[in-house]
């Protein structure tokens, strides 16, 4: 089986692949294991509008049936919306929600304007692995639990990782669990 292309998509708010959280560590570890990894800052990084990010994933990153997307926060939401209309080899979503939680900036992103097409997401994903943390200060645990129930994802609920950001827990500078998932599915 051909090694998949791996695409890391950060969250909104202006996160930077090279300096923030676990992104560069995962990128470098996977590249060291021979994977092609696309890990770039996104256009429109603060607001993360769906009408900008989804075409970017398709046209610039060329995410296809041999790609795995690792999406954090809004990056994971984008990956799920992408799966409604595109096939992927698999997806790892981290700290993801399915509603705008009443936040105006999330509402304006466009990801929550239409009902989720859970059946299409499941049909287009070879597999879905999900990481959530009960102490996430932004996303109530009911949000990722509902996504898990809808997608029957492989689900890891942690208790001390916050929103998987380094300022909440220095352990979030690395993410070895992602490497184990990639090893398992590729």
N, C-alpha and C. Protein backbone atom coordinates (compact mmCIF):
# COMPACT_ATOMS: atom_id res chain seq x y z
N UNK A 1 0.84 -1.18 0.00
CA UNK A 1 0.00 0.00 0.00
C UNK A 1 0.89 1.25 0.00
N UNK A 2 0.52 2.21 -0.81
CA UNK A 2 1.27 3.46 -0.90
C UNK A 2 1.12 4.26 0.39
N UNK A 3 2.24 4.83 0.81
CA UNK A 3 2.17 5.69 2.00
C UNK A 3 1.26 6.88 1.70
N UNK A 4 0.44 7.24 2.66
CA UNK A 4 -0.46 8.38 2.43
C UNK A 4 0.27 9.71 2.53
N UNK A 5 -0.31 10.70 1.87
CA UNK A 5 0.11 12.09 2.07
C UNK A 5 -0.60 12.55 3.34
N UNK A 6 0.11 13.24 4.20
CA UNK A 6 -0.47 13.70 5.46
C UNK A 6 -0.52 15.22 5.45
N UNK A 7 -1.68 15.75 5.80
CA UNK A 7 -1.91 17.19 5.79
C UNK A 7 -2.29 17.61 7.21
N UNK A 8 -1.52 18.53 7.77
CA UNK A 8 -1.81 19.05 9.11
C UNK A 8 -2.49 20.41 8.95
N UNK A 9 -3.69 20.54 9.52
CA UNK A 9 -4.44 21.79 9.44
C UNK A 9 -4.63 22.32 10.85
N UNK A 10 -4.05 23.49 11.14
CA UNK A 10 -4.16 24.07 12.50
C UNK A 10 -5.54 24.65 12.75
N UNK A 11 -5.75 25.09 13.97
CA UNK A 11 -6.98 25.78 14.32
C UNK A 11 -6.95 27.23 13.89
N UNK A 12 -8.06 27.91 14.10
CA UNK A 12 -8.15 29.32 13.76
C UNK A 12 -7.47 30.16 14.83
N UNK A 13 -7.57 31.46 14.71
CA UNK A 13 -6.95 32.34 15.69
C UNK A 13 -5.54 32.73 15.34
N UNK A 14 -5.06 32.30 14.19
CA UNK A 14 -3.72 32.68 13.76
C UNK A 14 -2.63 31.73 14.18
N UNK A 15 -2.97 30.47 14.43
CA UNK A 15 -1.94 29.48 14.80
C UNK A 15 -0.92 29.32 13.68
N UNK A 16 0.33 29.11 14.08
CA UNK A 16 1.42 28.93 13.12
C UNK A 16 1.98 27.52 13.21
N UNK A 17 2.09 26.88 12.08
CA UNK A 17 2.58 25.51 12.02
C UNK A 17 3.98 25.39 12.61
N UNK A 18 4.86 26.31 12.31
CA UNK A 18 6.26 26.15 12.71
C UNK A 18 6.53 26.43 14.18
N UNK A 19 5.65 27.17 14.85
CA UNK A 19 5.96 27.57 16.22
C UNK A 19 4.94 27.14 17.27
N UNK A 20 3.74 26.79 16.87
CA UNK A 20 2.67 26.58 17.85
C UNK A 20 2.37 25.10 18.11
N UNK A 21 2.19 24.81 19.39
CA UNK A 21 1.67 23.54 19.87
C UNK A 21 2.50 22.36 19.37
N UNK A 22 1.88 21.33 18.90
CA UNK A 22 2.51 20.07 18.51
C UNK A 22 2.72 19.96 17.00
N UNK A 23 2.30 20.95 16.23
CA UNK A 23 2.27 20.83 14.78
C UNK A 23 3.63 20.49 14.17
N UNK A 24 4.65 21.28 14.46
CA UNK A 24 5.96 21.06 13.85
C UNK A 24 6.57 19.74 14.33
N UNK A 25 6.34 19.39 15.59
CA UNK A 25 6.88 18.13 16.11
C UNK A 25 6.30 16.95 15.34
N UNK A 26 4.98 16.93 15.15
CA UNK A 26 4.34 15.84 14.40
C UNK A 26 4.84 15.85 12.96
N UNK A 27 4.91 17.03 12.35
CA UNK A 27 5.42 17.14 10.97
C UNK A 27 6.80 16.53 10.84
N UNK A 28 7.70 16.94 11.73
CA UNK A 28 9.09 16.47 11.64
C UNK A 28 9.21 14.98 11.92
N UNK A 29 8.47 14.49 12.89
CA UNK A 29 8.49 13.05 13.19
C UNK A 29 8.01 12.23 12.00
N UNK A 30 6.92 12.67 11.38
CA UNK A 30 6.38 11.91 10.24
C UNK A 30 7.28 12.01 9.03
N UNK A 31 7.84 13.17 8.78
CA UNK A 31 8.79 13.29 7.66
C UNK A 31 10.00 12.39 7.90
N UNK A 32 10.44 12.31 9.15
CA UNK A 32 11.56 11.44 9.48
C UNK A 32 11.26 9.96 9.26
N UNK A 33 9.99 9.63 9.19
CA UNK A 33 9.56 8.24 8.93
C UNK A 33 9.19 8.03 7.47
N UNK A 34 9.50 9.02 6.64
CA UNK A 34 9.33 8.86 5.21
C UNK A 34 7.99 9.29 4.63
N UNK A 35 7.19 9.98 5.38
CA UNK A 35 5.90 10.45 4.87
C UNK A 35 6.05 11.81 4.20
N UNK A 36 5.25 12.02 3.17
CA UNK A 36 5.09 13.36 2.62
C UNK A 36 4.11 14.08 3.54
N UNK A 37 4.53 15.20 4.09
CA UNK A 37 3.68 15.94 5.02
C UNK A 37 3.54 17.37 4.53
N UNK A 38 2.29 17.79 4.37
CA UNK A 38 1.99 19.18 4.06
C UNK A 38 1.60 19.83 5.37
N UNK A 39 2.36 20.83 5.76
CA UNK A 39 2.13 21.54 7.02
C UNK A 39 2.46 23.00 6.78
N UNK A 40 1.44 23.77 6.45
CA UNK A 40 1.62 25.18 6.12
C UNK A 40 0.58 26.00 6.85
N UNK A 41 0.91 27.24 7.13
CA UNK A 41 -0.09 28.14 7.68
C UNK A 41 -1.21 28.30 6.65
N UNK A 42 -2.42 28.43 7.16
CA UNK A 42 -3.58 28.53 6.30
C UNK A 42 -3.83 29.99 5.90
N UNK A 43 -4.46 30.19 4.73
CA UNK A 43 -4.91 31.54 4.40
C UNK A 43 -6.06 31.89 5.35
N UNK A 44 -6.30 33.15 5.59
CA UNK A 44 -7.40 33.54 6.47
C UNK A 44 -7.29 32.82 7.82
N UNK A 45 -6.10 32.86 8.47
CA UNK A 45 -5.86 32.03 9.64
C UNK A 45 -6.62 32.42 10.90
N UNK A 46 -7.08 33.65 10.99
CA UNK A 46 -7.79 34.07 12.19
C UNK A 46 -9.24 33.62 12.15
N UNK A 47 -9.93 33.92 11.06
CA UNK A 47 -11.36 33.60 10.97
C UNK A 47 -11.62 32.20 10.43
N UNK A 48 -10.72 31.66 9.61
CA UNK A 48 -10.84 30.30 9.09
C UNK A 48 -12.14 30.07 8.32
N UNK A 49 -12.50 30.99 7.46
CA UNK A 49 -13.76 30.86 6.72
C UNK A 49 -13.78 29.58 5.87
N UNK A 50 -14.90 28.88 5.93
CA UNK A 50 -15.06 27.65 5.15
C UNK A 50 -14.89 27.90 3.66
N UNK A 51 -15.39 29.03 3.17
CA UNK A 51 -15.31 29.29 1.73
C UNK A 51 -13.88 29.59 1.26
N UNK A 52 -12.95 29.76 2.18
CA UNK A 52 -11.53 29.92 1.84
C UNK A 52 -10.76 28.63 2.13
N UNK A 53 -11.01 28.06 3.31
CA UNK A 53 -10.24 26.88 3.71
C UNK A 53 -10.57 25.63 2.89
N UNK A 54 -11.83 25.36 2.63
CA UNK A 54 -12.17 24.12 1.92
C UNK A 54 -11.61 24.10 0.50
N UNK A 55 -11.73 25.18 -0.29
CA UNK A 55 -11.07 25.17 -1.60
C UNK A 55 -9.54 25.06 -1.49
N UNK A 56 -8.96 25.64 -0.45
CA UNK A 56 -7.51 25.56 -0.26
C UNK A 56 -7.09 24.10 -0.01
N UNK A 57 -7.86 23.39 0.78
CA UNK A 57 -7.57 21.98 1.05
C UNK A 57 -7.64 21.18 -0.25
N UNK A 58 -8.62 21.49 -1.08
CA UNK A 58 -8.78 20.76 -2.34
C UNK A 58 -7.75 21.18 -3.39
N UNK A 59 -7.60 22.47 -3.63
CA UNK A 59 -6.82 22.95 -4.77
C UNK A 59 -5.34 23.14 -4.49
N UNK A 60 -4.98 23.51 -3.27
CA UNK A 60 -3.58 23.73 -2.95
C UNK A 60 -2.96 22.47 -2.32
N UNK A 61 -3.64 21.92 -1.32
CA UNK A 61 -3.12 20.72 -0.65
C UNK A 61 -3.40 19.46 -1.45
N UNK A 62 -4.39 19.52 -2.34
CA UNK A 62 -4.76 18.37 -3.18
C UNK A 62 -5.08 17.14 -2.34
N UNK A 63 -5.91 17.35 -1.31
CA UNK A 63 -6.34 16.24 -0.46
C UNK A 63 -7.23 15.31 -1.26
N UNK A 64 -6.83 14.03 -1.30
CA UNK A 64 -7.57 13.05 -2.09
C UNK A 64 -7.70 11.74 -1.31
N UNK A 65 -8.11 10.70 -1.99
CA UNK A 65 -8.41 9.43 -1.34
C UNK A 65 -7.17 8.76 -0.74
N UNK A 66 -5.97 9.27 -1.02
CA UNK A 66 -4.77 8.74 -0.39
C UNK A 66 -4.18 9.72 0.63
N UNK A 67 -4.99 10.66 1.08
CA UNK A 67 -4.53 11.66 2.05
C UNK A 67 -5.15 11.40 3.41
N UNK A 68 -4.37 11.73 4.43
CA UNK A 68 -4.86 11.75 5.81
C UNK A 68 -4.77 13.20 6.27
N UNK A 69 -5.88 13.72 6.77
CA UNK A 69 -5.86 15.05 7.35
C UNK A 69 -5.80 14.92 8.87
N UNK A 70 -4.89 15.66 9.47
CA UNK A 70 -4.83 15.82 10.92
C UNK A 70 -5.32 17.24 11.18
N UNK A 71 -6.51 17.37 11.74
CA UNK A 71 -7.10 18.67 11.92
C UNK A 71 -7.32 19.01 13.38
N UNK A 72 -6.79 20.15 13.79
CA UNK A 72 -6.93 20.62 15.17
C UNK A 72 -7.98 21.73 15.22
N UNK A 73 -8.95 21.60 16.10
CA UNK A 73 -9.95 22.63 16.33
C UNK A 73 -10.66 22.97 15.02
N UNK A 74 -10.59 24.21 14.55
CA UNK A 74 -11.23 24.58 13.28
C UNK A 74 -10.68 23.77 12.11
N UNK A 75 -9.43 23.36 12.21
CA UNK A 75 -8.87 22.50 11.17
C UNK A 75 -9.56 21.16 11.11
N UNK A 76 -9.97 20.65 12.26
CA UNK A 76 -10.73 19.40 12.30
C UNK A 76 -12.15 19.58 11.79
N UNK A 77 -12.75 20.73 12.12
CA UNK A 77 -14.09 21.04 11.60
C UNK A 77 -14.02 21.12 10.08
N UNK A 78 -13.00 21.78 9.55
CA UNK A 78 -12.82 21.87 8.10
C UNK A 78 -12.66 20.48 7.49
N UNK A 79 -11.90 19.61 8.14
CA UNK A 79 -11.71 18.25 7.62
C UNK A 79 -13.04 17.51 7.55
N UNK A 80 -13.87 17.66 8.57
CA UNK A 80 -15.17 16.98 8.55
C UNK A 80 -16.06 17.52 7.43
N UNK A 81 -16.09 18.83 7.26
CA UNK A 81 -16.89 19.41 6.17
C UNK A 81 -16.34 18.97 4.81
N UNK A 82 -15.03 18.89 4.69
CA UNK A 82 -14.41 18.42 3.45
C UNK A 82 -14.86 17.00 3.13
N UNK A 83 -14.96 16.17 4.15
CA UNK A 83 -15.38 14.78 3.97
C UNK A 83 -16.83 14.65 3.49
N UNK A 84 -17.61 15.68 3.63
CA UNK A 84 -18.98 15.60 3.12
C UNK A 84 -19.01 15.46 1.60
N UNK A 85 -17.96 15.92 0.93
CA UNK A 85 -17.95 15.91 -0.54
C UNK A 85 -16.68 15.30 -1.15
N UNK A 86 -15.74 14.86 -0.31
CA UNK A 86 -14.48 14.31 -0.82
C UNK A 86 -14.09 13.06 -0.02
N UNK A 87 -13.44 12.13 -0.70
CA UNK A 87 -12.93 10.95 -0.01
C UNK A 87 -11.54 11.24 0.53
N UNK A 88 -11.26 10.70 1.72
CA UNK A 88 -9.94 10.74 2.32
C UNK A 88 -9.61 9.35 2.83
N UNK A 89 -8.33 9.05 2.87
CA UNK A 89 -7.91 7.77 3.44
C UNK A 89 -8.28 7.69 4.92
N UNK A 90 -8.15 8.81 5.60
CA UNK A 90 -8.52 8.86 7.01
C UNK A 90 -8.40 10.27 7.53
N UNK A 91 -8.89 10.46 8.75
CA UNK A 91 -8.83 11.78 9.36
C UNK A 91 -8.63 11.61 10.86
N UNK A 92 -7.77 12.47 11.40
CA UNK A 92 -7.57 12.57 12.85
C UNK A 92 -8.06 13.95 13.24
N UNK A 93 -9.08 14.00 14.10
CA UNK A 93 -9.62 15.29 14.54
C UNK A 93 -9.34 15.46 16.02
N UNK A 94 -8.93 16.67 16.38
CA UNK A 94 -8.46 16.95 17.74
C UNK A 94 -9.14 18.22 18.25
N UNK A 95 -9.83 18.12 19.38
CA UNK A 95 -10.48 19.29 19.96
C UNK A 95 -11.51 19.92 19.03
N UNK A 96 -12.46 19.10 18.55
CA UNK A 96 -13.39 19.54 17.52
C UNK A 96 -14.81 19.63 18.08
N UNK A 97 -15.56 20.60 17.56
CA UNK A 97 -16.95 20.80 17.95
C UNK A 97 -17.84 20.71 16.72
N UNK A 98 -19.15 20.57 16.94
CA UNK A 98 -20.09 20.49 15.83
C UNK A 98 -21.06 21.67 15.79
N UNK A 99 -20.99 22.56 16.78
CA UNK A 99 -21.82 23.76 16.79
C UNK A 99 -20.91 24.98 16.95
N UNK A 100 -21.46 26.16 16.72
CA UNK A 100 -20.66 27.37 16.89
C UNK A 100 -20.56 27.81 18.35
N UNK A 101 -21.22 27.08 19.24
CA UNK A 101 -21.19 27.34 20.68
C UNK A 101 -21.62 28.75 21.04
N UNK A 102 -22.31 29.42 20.11
CA UNK A 102 -22.77 30.77 20.37
C UNK A 102 -21.71 31.85 20.17
N UNK A 103 -20.53 31.46 19.67
CA UNK A 103 -19.47 32.44 19.42
C UNK A 103 -19.67 33.07 18.05
N UNK A 104 -19.67 34.38 18.00
CA UNK A 104 -19.93 35.08 16.74
C UNK A 104 -18.88 34.77 15.69
N UNK A 105 -17.61 34.70 16.09
CA UNK A 105 -16.56 34.41 15.09
C UNK A 105 -16.71 33.01 14.52
N UNK A 106 -17.12 32.06 15.34
CA UNK A 106 -17.36 30.70 14.84
C UNK A 106 -18.56 30.69 13.90
N UNK A 107 -19.60 31.41 14.26
CA UNK A 107 -20.81 31.49 13.43
C UNK A 107 -20.45 32.06 12.05
N UNK A 108 -19.59 33.09 12.04
CA UNK A 108 -19.21 33.74 10.78
C UNK A 108 -18.30 32.88 9.90
N UNK A 109 -17.71 31.84 10.46
CA UNK A 109 -16.80 30.99 9.68
C UNK A 109 -17.52 30.25 8.56
N UNK A 110 -18.81 30.00 8.72
CA UNK A 110 -19.57 29.30 7.68
C UNK A 110 -19.65 27.80 7.85
N UNK A 111 -18.96 27.24 8.82
CA UNK A 111 -18.98 25.78 9.01
C UNK A 111 -20.28 25.27 9.61
N UNK A 112 -21.03 26.14 10.21
CA UNK A 112 -22.21 25.70 10.95
C UNK A 112 -23.51 26.16 10.31
N UNK A 113 -23.44 26.57 9.03
CA UNK A 113 -24.61 27.11 8.34
C UNK A 113 -25.58 26.03 7.87
N UNK A 114 -25.12 24.81 7.72
CA UNK A 114 -25.98 23.74 7.23
C UNK A 114 -25.85 22.52 8.13
N UNK A 115 -26.86 21.66 8.11
CA UNK A 115 -26.80 20.45 8.95
C UNK A 115 -25.60 19.58 8.54
N UNK A 116 -25.08 18.88 9.52
CA UNK A 116 -23.97 17.96 9.25
C UNK A 116 -24.48 16.75 8.48
N UNK A 117 -23.69 16.32 7.52
CA UNK A 117 -24.02 15.14 6.71
C UNK A 117 -23.19 13.96 7.22
N UNK A 118 -23.55 13.48 8.39
CA UNK A 118 -22.76 12.45 9.07
C UNK A 118 -22.58 11.19 8.21
N UNK A 119 -23.63 10.77 7.52
CA UNK A 119 -23.53 9.55 6.71
C UNK A 119 -22.53 9.72 5.57
N UNK A 120 -22.51 10.90 4.95
CA UNK A 120 -21.55 11.15 3.88
C UNK A 120 -20.12 11.20 4.43
N UNK A 121 -19.95 11.81 5.60
CA UNK A 121 -18.62 11.86 6.22
C UNK A 121 -18.12 10.44 6.46
N UNK A 122 -18.98 9.61 7.04
CA UNK A 122 -18.59 8.21 7.32
C UNK A 122 -18.27 7.46 6.03
N UNK A 123 -19.07 7.67 5.00
CA UNK A 123 -18.87 6.96 3.74
C UNK A 123 -17.58 7.40 3.04
N UNK A 124 -17.20 8.67 3.21
CA UNK A 124 -16.02 9.20 2.51
C UNK A 124 -14.72 9.07 3.29
N UNK A 125 -14.80 8.69 4.55
CA UNK A 125 -13.60 8.54 5.37
C UNK A 125 -13.27 7.06 5.50
N UNK A 126 -12.03 6.72 5.17
CA UNK A 126 -11.62 5.35 5.42
C UNK A 126 -11.71 5.02 6.91
N UNK A 127 -11.39 6.01 7.74
CA UNK A 127 -11.46 5.89 9.19
C UNK A 127 -11.43 7.28 9.81
N UNK A 128 -11.95 7.38 11.03
CA UNK A 128 -11.94 8.63 11.78
C UNK A 128 -11.43 8.33 13.18
N UNK A 129 -10.38 9.04 13.57
CA UNK A 129 -9.86 8.95 14.94
C UNK A 129 -10.02 10.32 15.56
N UNK A 130 -10.45 10.32 16.80
CA UNK A 130 -10.80 11.58 17.46
C UNK A 130 -10.13 11.65 18.83
N UNK A 131 -9.56 12.82 19.14
CA UNK A 131 -9.00 13.11 20.46
C UNK A 131 -9.76 14.28 21.06
N UNK A 132 -10.15 14.12 22.32
CA UNK A 132 -10.84 15.18 23.06
C UNK A 132 -10.29 15.18 24.48
N UNK A 133 -10.49 16.28 25.18
CA UNK A 133 -10.06 16.35 26.57
C UNK A 133 -11.18 16.95 27.42
N UNK A 134 -11.43 16.33 28.55
CA UNK A 134 -12.50 16.79 29.43
C UNK A 134 -12.22 18.16 30.02
N UNK A 135 -10.97 18.60 30.03
CA UNK A 135 -10.64 19.91 30.57
C UNK A 135 -10.42 20.97 29.49
N UNK A 136 -10.96 20.73 28.29
CA UNK A 136 -10.86 21.71 27.21
C UNK A 136 -11.61 22.97 27.65
N UNK A 137 -10.92 24.13 27.73
CA UNK A 137 -11.59 25.34 28.21
C UNK A 137 -12.53 25.98 27.19
N UNK A 138 -12.49 25.53 25.95
CA UNK A 138 -13.30 26.13 24.89
C UNK A 138 -14.47 25.25 24.46
N UNK A 139 -14.27 23.95 24.49
CA UNK A 139 -15.25 23.04 23.92
C UNK A 139 -15.76 22.08 24.99
N UNK A 140 -17.04 22.20 25.35
CA UNK A 140 -17.61 21.25 26.31
C UNK A 140 -17.51 19.82 25.77
N UNK A 141 -17.24 18.88 26.64
CA UNK A 141 -16.99 17.50 26.21
C UNK A 141 -18.18 16.88 25.48
N UNK A 142 -19.38 17.41 25.69
CA UNK A 142 -20.56 16.90 24.98
C UNK A 142 -20.41 17.07 23.46
N UNK A 143 -19.68 18.08 23.02
CA UNK A 143 -19.50 18.32 21.58
C UNK A 143 -18.73 17.17 20.92
N UNK A 144 -17.52 16.85 21.36
CA UNK A 144 -16.82 15.73 20.72
C UNK A 144 -17.52 14.39 20.95
N UNK A 145 -18.18 14.23 22.06
CA UNK A 145 -18.90 12.98 22.30
C UNK A 145 -20.01 12.78 21.27
N UNK A 146 -20.72 13.85 20.93
CA UNK A 146 -21.76 13.73 19.91
C UNK A 146 -21.15 13.38 18.55
N UNK A 147 -20.05 14.01 18.20
CA UNK A 147 -19.38 13.67 16.94
C UNK A 147 -18.99 12.20 16.93
N UNK A 148 -18.44 11.73 18.02
CA UNK A 148 -18.08 10.32 18.14
C UNK A 148 -19.30 9.43 17.93
N UNK A 149 -20.40 9.76 18.57
CA UNK A 149 -21.62 8.96 18.42
C UNK A 149 -22.12 8.96 16.98
N UNK A 150 -22.05 10.09 16.31
CA UNK A 150 -22.52 10.19 14.92
C UNK A 150 -21.62 9.43 13.94
N UNK A 151 -20.33 9.44 14.21
CA UNK A 151 -19.38 8.87 13.25
C UNK A 151 -18.84 7.50 13.66
N UNK A 152 -19.15 7.07 14.87
CA UNK A 152 -18.57 5.84 15.40
C UNK A 152 -17.05 5.87 15.26
N UNK A 153 -16.48 7.00 15.63
CA UNK A 153 -15.03 7.21 15.50
C UNK A 153 -14.28 6.39 16.53
N UNK A 154 -13.02 6.17 16.23
CA UNK A 154 -12.11 5.65 17.26
C UNK A 154 -11.84 6.84 18.16
N UNK A 155 -12.20 6.73 19.43
CA UNK A 155 -12.33 7.91 20.28
C UNK A 155 -11.42 7.80 21.49
N UNK A 156 -10.63 8.86 21.71
CA UNK A 156 -9.74 8.94 22.87
C UNK A 156 -10.10 10.18 23.67
N UNK A 157 -10.63 9.96 24.85
CA UNK A 157 -11.01 11.05 25.72
C UNK A 157 -9.98 11.16 26.84
N UNK A 158 -9.22 12.24 26.82
CA UNK A 158 -8.18 12.47 27.80
C UNK A 158 -8.71 13.44 28.85
N UNK A 159 -7.95 13.63 29.92
CA UNK A 159 -8.46 14.48 31.00
C UNK A 159 -7.56 15.67 31.33
N UNK A 160 -6.42 15.79 30.66
CA UNK A 160 -5.46 16.81 31.09
C UNK A 160 -4.78 17.54 29.93
N UNK A 161 -5.40 17.57 28.76
CA UNK A 161 -4.73 18.17 27.60
C UNK A 161 -5.35 19.48 27.15
N UNK A 162 -6.40 19.94 27.86
CA UNK A 162 -7.02 21.21 27.49
C UNK A 162 -7.47 21.18 26.05
N UNK A 163 -7.14 22.24 25.32
CA UNK A 163 -7.48 22.32 23.89
C UNK A 163 -6.27 21.91 23.04
N UNK A 164 -5.42 21.09 23.63
CA UNK A 164 -4.23 20.54 22.95
C UNK A 164 -3.30 21.66 22.49
N UNK A 165 -3.15 22.66 23.37
CA UNK A 165 -2.29 23.81 23.12
C UNK A 165 -1.21 23.86 24.19
N UNK A 166 -0.02 24.30 23.83
CA UNK A 166 1.10 24.28 24.78
C UNK A 166 0.91 25.21 25.95
N UNK A 167 0.19 26.32 25.79
CA UNK A 167 0.01 27.22 26.92
C UNK A 167 -0.89 26.61 28.00
N UNK A 168 -1.62 25.56 27.67
CA UNK A 168 -2.48 24.90 28.65
C UNK A 168 -1.81 23.69 29.29
N UNK A 169 -0.87 23.11 28.57
CA UNK A 169 -0.14 21.96 29.10
C UNK A 169 1.13 21.79 28.27
N UNK A 170 2.31 21.90 28.89
CA UNK A 170 3.56 21.76 28.12
C UNK A 170 3.68 20.41 27.41
N UNK A 171 2.94 19.40 27.85
CA UNK A 171 2.95 18.11 27.15
C UNK A 171 2.46 18.25 25.72
N UNK A 172 1.69 19.30 25.44
CA UNK A 172 1.13 19.49 24.10
C UNK A 172 2.15 19.97 23.08
N UNK A 173 3.42 20.05 23.46
CA UNK A 173 4.48 20.37 22.48
C UNK A 173 4.74 19.16 21.58
N UNK A 174 4.38 17.97 22.08
CA UNK A 174 4.47 16.74 21.29
C UNK A 174 3.10 16.08 21.28
N UNK A 175 2.94 15.06 20.44
CA UNK A 175 1.65 14.35 20.37
C UNK A 175 1.92 12.94 19.84
N UNK A 176 2.59 12.11 20.65
CA UNK A 176 2.97 10.77 20.18
C UNK A 176 1.78 9.89 19.82
N UNK A 177 0.63 10.17 20.39
CA UNK A 177 -0.56 9.37 20.05
C UNK A 177 -0.90 9.47 18.57
N UNK A 178 -0.65 10.62 17.97
CA UNK A 178 -0.89 10.77 16.53
C UNK A 178 0.01 9.84 15.73
N UNK A 179 1.27 9.75 16.15
CA UNK A 179 2.20 8.87 15.44
C UNK A 179 1.74 7.42 15.50
N UNK A 180 1.19 7.02 16.63
CA UNK A 180 0.67 5.65 16.77
C UNK A 180 -0.51 5.41 15.83
N UNK A 181 -1.38 6.39 15.71
CA UNK A 181 -2.53 6.25 14.80
C UNK A 181 -2.05 6.12 13.36
N UNK A 182 -1.12 6.98 12.95
CA UNK A 182 -0.60 6.93 11.58
C UNK A 182 0.05 5.57 11.33
N UNK A 183 0.83 5.09 12.28
CA UNK A 183 1.48 3.77 12.14
C UNK A 183 0.43 2.67 11.97
N UNK A 184 -0.63 2.75 12.74
CA UNK A 184 -1.69 1.73 12.70
C UNK A 184 -2.40 1.69 11.37
N UNK A 185 -2.66 2.86 10.77
CA UNK A 185 -3.50 2.93 9.58
C UNK A 185 -2.74 3.11 8.27
N UNK A 186 -1.42 3.07 8.29
CA UNK A 186 -0.73 3.24 7.00
C UNK A 186 0.35 2.20 6.80
